[in-house]
């Protein structure tokens, strides 16, 4: 059987179910990371990645001027 998005059970290949439980934002509140969302609520496979910013730049808000 294949996973069924929307049945309320997180099955193999899903990260959330029901779709309303999936994240709508991947903002971790840390200005020193780049936040990215992949997948979709419609497919119950939303995933977040928070990658640390390696270099400092006064313009990106990750370090004091």
Protein backbone atom coordinates (compact mmCIF):
# COMPACT_ATOMS: atom_id res chain seq x y z
CA UNK A 1 0.00 0.00 0.00
CA UNK A 2 1.16 3.52 -0.67
CA UNK A 3 0.84 6.36 1.87
CA UNK A 4 -2.38 8.35 1.78
CA UNK A 5 -2.02 12.04 2.58
CA UNK A 6 -4.92 13.27 4.67
CA UNK A 7 -5.79 10.09 6.57
CA UNK A 8 -4.34 11.46 9.83
CA UNK A 9 -1.54 8.88 10.02
CA UNK A 10 2.12 9.79 9.30
CA UNK A 11 3.18 6.96 7.01
CA UNK A 12 6.45 6.15 5.26
CA UNK A 13 7.48 9.09 3.05
CA UNK A 14 5.31 11.59 4.95
CA UNK A 15 6.53 14.16 7.46
CA UNK A 16 3.09 15.35 8.59
CA UNK A 17 -0.55 14.27 8.30
CA UNK A 18 -3.19 15.71 8.20
CA UNK A 19 -2.08 18.48 5.83
CA UNK A 20 -3.20 21.13 8.34
CA UNK A 21 -0.50 19.86 10.75
CA UNK A 22 2.30 20.56 8.26
CA UNK A 23 4.52 23.59 8.93
CA UNK A 24 3.64 26.73 6.97
CA UNK A 25 6.97 28.41 7.74
CA UNK A 26 10.49 27.17 8.38
CA UNK A 27 11.70 30.34 10.09
CA UNK A 28 13.65 29.16 13.14
CA UNK A 29 14.00 32.71 14.45
CA UNK A 30 17.78 32.60 14.08
CA UNK A 31 19.16 35.32 11.76
CA UNK A 32 22.38 33.31 11.43
CA UNK A 33 20.69 30.56 9.40
CA UNK A 34 19.18 30.32 5.94
CA UNK A 35 15.77 28.65 6.28
CA UNK A 36 14.35 26.57 3.43
CA UNK A 37 11.11 24.63 3.05
CA UNK A 38 10.73 21.71 0.65
CA UNK A 39 7.74 19.53 -0.14
CA UNK A 40 4.10 20.51 0.18
CA UNK A 41 1.19 20.19 2.58
CA UNK A 42 -0.89 18.68 -0.22
CA UNK A 43 1.55 15.76 -0.37
CA UNK A 44 2.17 15.63 3.42
CA UNK A 45 5.93 15.85 2.89
CA UNK A 46 6.97 19.30 4.17
CA UNK A 47 10.56 19.40 5.42
CA UNK A 48 12.58 22.29 6.85
CA UNK A 49 16.31 22.90 6.56
CA UNK A 50 18.08 25.56 8.63
CA UNK A 51 21.60 26.03 7.26
CA UNK A 52 24.11 28.09 9.27
CA UNK A 53 25.45 31.17 7.46
CA UNK A 54 29.21 30.64 7.15
CA UNK A 55 30.37 34.19 6.38
CA UNK A 56 29.54 37.47 8.02
CA UNK A 57 28.07 40.41 6.20
CA UNK A 58 26.78 43.55 7.85
CA UNK A 59 23.92 43.62 5.34
CA UNK A 60 22.46 40.18 6.07
CA UNK A 61 21.60 40.81 9.73
CA UNK A 62 23.62 37.82 10.99
CA UNK A 63 26.28 39.91 12.69
CA UNK A 64 26.43 43.31 14.36
CA UNK A 65 27.58 46.13 12.11
